Amino acid sequence: MQVLQLLSGLAAALALATSVAAASNDEALVTDLPGLASDVVTFKHYAGHLELDAKEKLFYWYAESQSDPSKDPIVLWLNGGPGCSSLGGFFTENGPFVVRDDLSVKVNRYSWNRKVNMVWLESPAGVGFSDNVQAADYYNDDTVATKTYEFLSRFFDKFEELKGRDFYVTGESYAGMYIPYLVDRLVDAPLEGVNLKGFAIGNPFTDNIIDGNAYMDYYYSHAMVSLESYEKMQ
């Protein structure tokens, strides 16, 4: 029941954010969220869709840094799955807001945007509020990288003040596939104004064999199995 309440809260909180147009920065500015007192938010944040050439509309939520938004780096966050919404990370991990059990919203004092400008992207189309999905067999890791690359081009054109900043790509889980593909694309064909400095991946999925072979050492090194069991698994 708490999970359903949380999802209902997220849907309510996002109803306003997704209703704003992406034609200008002011129109994408989020000025109110259900359950959150507006006077406790000391930073600007924006949400909306950016349309790609194939008419896919990718949903993003961008929160300015609470430190020095005019100079701080810009960081892109991608949840994994594949198919997991980055709003999961936004509301439960590193985003500026947390939804309580009673559906009220509070500011997350541990949010990453305390030090950097943060963008959470729902990708590919069909995930979360990103829509106009193509046929299921249209998408693979290369395609998703191409779409995210195109999104970044649109995003930095929209928020031109971010061009030239240090840029990092971060994520978790299946982002262990998304991020290397995207970074490879950015290295091979740099986008104007996108100053790629690095990437970081937590708990990444990278390869079935490599990941699978690491389980035994991980379990033993974290005291999850006995030495006897560990030796039998070798």
Protein backbone atom coordinates (compact mmCIF):
# COMPACT_ATOMS: atom_id res chain seq x y z
CA MET A 1 0.00 0.00 0.00
CA GLN A 2 2.83 2.41 0.82
CA VAL A 3 4.33 1.78 -2.63
CA LEU A 4 0.99 2.59 -4.26
CA GLN A 5 0.70 5.73 -2.17
CA LEU A 6 4.20 6.77 -3.15
CA LEU A 7 3.45 6.25 -6.85
CA SER A 8 0.23 8.22 -6.47
CA GLY A 9 2.18 11.00 -4.82
CA LEU A 10 4.71 11.06 -7.62
CA ALA A 11 1.95 11.23 -10.22
CA ALA A 12 0.31 14.12 -8.39
CA ALA A 13 3.59 15.94 -7.96
CA LEU A 14 4.45 15.55 -11.61
CA ALA A 15 1.08 16.59 -12.98
CA LEU A 16 1.99 20.24 -12.78
CA ALA A 17 5.56 19.75 -13.93
CA THR A 18 4.54 17.91 -17.07
CA SER A 19 1.89 20.46 -17.91
CA VAL A 20 4.39 23.22 -18.54
CA ALA A 21 5.55 23.88 -22.07
CA ALA A 22 9.19 23.57 -23.08
CA ALA A 23 9.18 26.55 -25.40
CA SER A 24 11.21 28.71 -23.03
CA ASN A 25 13.02 28.35 -19.74
CA ASP A 26 10.41 30.41 -17.89
CA GLU A 27 7.61 28.21 -19.18
CA ALA A 28 9.45 25.11 -17.98
CA LEU A 29 10.04 26.61 -14.53
CA VAL A 30 8.29 24.63 -11.79
CA THR A 31 6.80 27.04 -9.29
CA ASP A 32 4.66 24.71 -7.20
CA LEU A 33 4.45 21.05 -6.22
CA PRO A 34 1.50 19.46 -4.38
CA GLY A 35 2.41 18.85 -0.76
CA LEU A 36 5.49 21.08 -0.77
CA ALA A 37 5.65 24.55 0.74
CA SER A 38 7.04 26.78 -2.01
CA ASP A 39 8.90 29.01 0.45
CA VAL A 40 11.26 26.18 1.46
CA VAL A 41 12.67 25.83 -2.06
CA THR A 42 15.67 28.12 -2.47
CA PHE A 43 16.69 27.04 -5.98
CA LYS A 44 15.11 27.02 -9.41
CA HIS A 45 14.04 23.77 -11.03
CA TYR A 46 12.59 23.03 -14.44
CA ALA A 47 10.66 20.12 -15.94
CA GLY A 48 9.20 19.25 -19.29
CA HIS A 49 9.66 17.42 -22.57
CA LEU A 50 12.18 17.95 -25.33
CA GLU A 51 11.14 16.61 -28.72
CA LEU A 52 13.58 14.63 -30.84
CA ASP A 53 13.70 14.33 -34.62
CA ALA A 54 11.64 11.12 -34.53
CA LYS A 55 8.94 13.00 -32.55
CA GLU A 56 9.82 11.19 -29.35
CA LYS A 57 9.42 13.42 -26.32
CA LEU A 58 11.90 12.82 -23.52
CA PHE A 59 10.96 14.04 -20.05
CA TYR A 60 13.60 15.71 -17.89
CA TRP A 61 13.76 17.42 -14.51
CA TYR A 62 16.56 19.93 -14.07
CA ALA A 63 17.44 21.39 -10.67
CA GLU A 64 19.92 24.22 -10.37
CA SER A 65 22.77 23.96 -7.90
CA GLN A 66 22.11 25.32 -4.43
CA SER A 67 25.74 26.49 -4.21
CA ASP A 68 26.72 28.49 -7.30
CA PRO A 69 24.43 27.60 -10.22
CA SER A 70 26.19 30.05 -12.52
CA LYS A 71 29.53 28.21 -12.19
CA ASP A 72 28.93 24.70 -10.83
CA PRO A 73 29.20 21.63 -13.09
CA ILE A 74 26.23 19.97 -14.76
CA VAL A 75 25.52 16.30 -14.01
CA LEU A 76 23.18 13.96 -15.89
CA TRP A 77 21.58 11.11 -13.93
CA LEU A 78 20.22 7.93 -15.55
CA ASN A 79 18.48 5.11 -13.72
CA GLY A 80 18.78 1.67 -15.22
CA GLY A 81 16.41 -1.21 -15.66
CA PRO A 82 16.28 -1.11 -18.58
CA GLY A 83 12.99 0.71 -18.24
CA CYS A 84 13.38 2.26 -14.79
CA SER A 85 12.36 5.89 -14.41
CA SER A 86 15.05 8.31 -13.30
CA LEU A 87 12.36 9.92 -11.17
CA GLY A 88 12.90 6.96 -8.87
CA GLY A 89 16.39 8.31 -8.28
CA PHE A 90 14.98 11.83 -8.13
CA PHE A 91 12.50 11.13 -5.32
CA THR A 92 14.24 8.35 -3.38
CA GLU A 93 17.99 8.73 -3.86
CA ASN A 94 19.75 11.91 -4.93
CA GLY A 95 17.03 14.35 -5.94
CA PRO A 96 16.02 17.58 -4.22
CA PHE A 97 12.69 16.27 -2.90
CA VAL A 98 11.46 13.28 -0.91
CA VAL A 99 7.84 12.08 -0.77
CA ARG A 100 6.75 11.08 2.74
CA ASP A 101 4.31 8.26 3.53
CA ASP A 102 1.52 10.82 3.98
CA LEU A 103 2.29 12.15 0.46
CA SER A 104 3.67 15.42 1.74
CA VAL A 105 6.93 16.48 0.14
CA LYS A 106 10.07 17.68 1.87
CA VAL A 107 13.39 19.02 0.67
CA ASN A 108 16.16 16.40 0.64
CA ARG A 109 19.11 17.84 2.51
CA TYR A 110 21.38 15.23 0.91
CA SER A 111 20.46 16.05 -2.67
CA TRP A 112 23.27 16.16 -5.19
CA ASN A 113 22.09 19.55 -6.37
CA ARG A 114 23.49 20.99 -3.16
CA LYS A 115 26.80 21.18 -5.06
CA VAL A 116 26.05 20.71 -8.78
CA ASN A 117 23.40 21.42 -11.38
CA MET A 118 21.49 18.14 -11.85
CA VAL A 119 19.41 16.71 -14.70
CA TRP A 120 17.33 13.55 -14.34
CA LEU A 121 16.30 12.08 -17.69
CA GLU A 122 13.60 9.49 -18.37
CA SER A 123 15.00 7.46 -21.23
CA PRO A 124 14.25 5.93 -23.67
CA ALA A 125 10.77 6.95 -24.84
CA GLY A 126 8.19 4.80 -23.10
CA VAL A 127 9.87 5.17 -19.71
CA GLY A 128 7.94 7.30 -17.24
CA PHE A 129 6.61 10.48 -18.83
CA SER A 130 8.74 10.14 -21.98
CA ASP A 131 6.38 9.25 -24.78
CA ASN A 132 5.81 8.65 -28.50
CA VAL A 133 7.60 5.33 -28.19
CA GLN A 134 8.68 3.54 -31.35
CA ALA A 135 8.21 -0.18 -31.99
CA ALA A 136 9.73 -2.37 -29.28
CA ASP A 137 12.36 -3.85 -31.58
CA TYR A 138 13.49 -0.35 -32.57
CA TYR A 139 15.45 0.17 -29.36
CA ASN A 140 18.84 -1.21 -28.42
CA ASP A 141 21.78 0.21 -26.50
CA ASP A 142 23.11 2.02 -29.56
CA THR A 143 19.72 3.58 -30.27
CA VAL A 144 19.27 4.72 -26.69
CA ALA A 145 22.71 6.35 -26.75
CA THR A 146 21.82 8.14 -29.99
CA LYS A 147 18.55 9.42 -28.50
CA THR A 148 20.23 10.62 -25.30
CA TYR A 149 22.95 12.30 -27.36
CA GLU A 150 20.24 14.12 -29.32
CA PHE A 151 18.49 15.06 -26.07
CA LEU A 152 21.71 16.61 -24.75
CA SER A 153 22.04 18.68 -27.90
CA ARG A 154 18.49 19.98 -27.41
CA PHE A 155 18.96 20.50 -23.69
CA PHE A 156 22.15 22.56 -23.96
CA ASP A 157 20.59 24.65 -26.72
CA LYS A 158 17.65 25.35 -24.42
CA PHE A 159 19.78 26.11 -21.35
CA GLU A 160 22.62 27.86 -23.14
CA GLU A 161 24.04 29.23 -19.90
CA LEU A 162 25.23 25.68 -19.13
CA LYS A 163 27.41 25.42 -22.22
CA GLY A 164 31.10 25.17 -21.44
CA ARG A 165 30.55 23.89 -17.90
CA ASP A 166 32.22 20.72 -16.73
CA PHE A 167 29.78 17.93 -17.59
CA TYR A 168 29.49 14.50 -15.98
CA VAL A 169 27.27 11.50 -16.69
CA THR A 170 26.18 9.34 -13.75
CA GLY A 171 23.75 6.54 -13.07
CA GLU A 172 23.21 3.06 -11.71
CA SER A 173 22.15 -0.47 -12.64
CA TYR A 174 21.59 -0.81 -16.41
CA ALA A 175 23.15 2.62 -16.78
CA GLY A 176 26.26 0.45 -16.75
CA MET A 177 25.34 -0.06 -20.40
CA TYR A 178 23.67 3.28 -21.15
CA ILE A 179 26.54 5.43 -19.94
CA PRO A 180 29.54 3.84 -21.72
CA TYR A 181 27.60 3.88 -25.00
CA LEU A 182 26.68 7.54 -24.50
CA VAL A 183 30.16 8.61 -23.40
CA ASP A 184 31.68 6.81 -26.39
CA ARG A 185 29.36 8.81 -28.64
CA LEU A 186 30.28 12.08 -26.93
CA VAL A 187 34.00 11.34 -27.25
CA ASP A 188 33.74 10.40 -30.92
CA ALA A 189 31.49 13.33 -31.84
CA PRO A 190 31.70 16.07 -29.20
CA LEU A 191 28.67 18.32 -28.91
CA GLU A 192 29.30 22.06 -29.01
CA GLY A 193 29.41 23.44 -25.49
CA VAL A 194 29.26 20.02 -23.82
CA ASN A 195 32.51 19.85 -21.86
CA LEU A 196 32.60 16.16 -20.94
CA LYS A 197 34.86 15.60 -17.94
CA GLY A 198 33.98 12.12 -16.76
CA PHE A 199 31.38 9.57 -15.78
CA ALA A 200 30.49 7.46 -12.75
CA ILE A 201 28.32 4.36 -12.41
CA GLY A 202 27.06 2.76 -9.21
CA ASN A 203 26.09 -0.91 -8.95
CA PRO A 204 26.41 -1.24 -12.73
CA PHE A 205 25.27 -4.01 -14.99
CA THR A 206 28.06 -4.49 -17.50
CA ASP A 207 28.25 -8.11 -18.68
CA ASN A 208 26.52 -11.32 -17.60
CA ILE A 209 29.74 -13.33 -17.36
CA ILE A 210 31.86 -10.64 -15.72
CA ASP A 211 29.13 -9.66 -13.26
CA GLY A 212 28.18 -13.26 -12.52
CA ASN A 213 31.74 -14.34 -11.78
CA ALA A 214 32.10 -11.50 -9.30
CA TYR A 215 29.20 -12.63 -7.12
CA MET A 216 31.17 -15.31 -5.28
CA ASP A 217 33.97 -12.97 -4.25
CA TYR A 218 31.47 -10.29 -3.29
CA TYR A 219 29.39 -12.63 -1.11
CA TYR A 220 32.45 -13.96 0.69
CA SER A 221 34.14 -10.59 1.17
CA HIS A 222 30.91 -9.27 2.72
CA ALA A 223 30.50 -12.25 5.08
CA MET A 224 27.37 -13.42 3.28
CA VAL A 225 28.65 -16.99 2.82
CA SER A 226 31.03 -19.17 4.81
CA LEU A 227 34.54 -20.06 3.71
CA GLU A 228 33.34 -23.62 3.13
CA SER A 229 30.54 -22.47 0.82
CA TYR A 230 32.85 -20.05 -0.93
CA GLU A 231 35.39 -22.78 -1.67
CA LYS A 232 32.65 -25.06 -3.01
CA MET A 233 31.53 -22.31 -5.41
CA GLN A 234 34.99 -21.95 -6.93
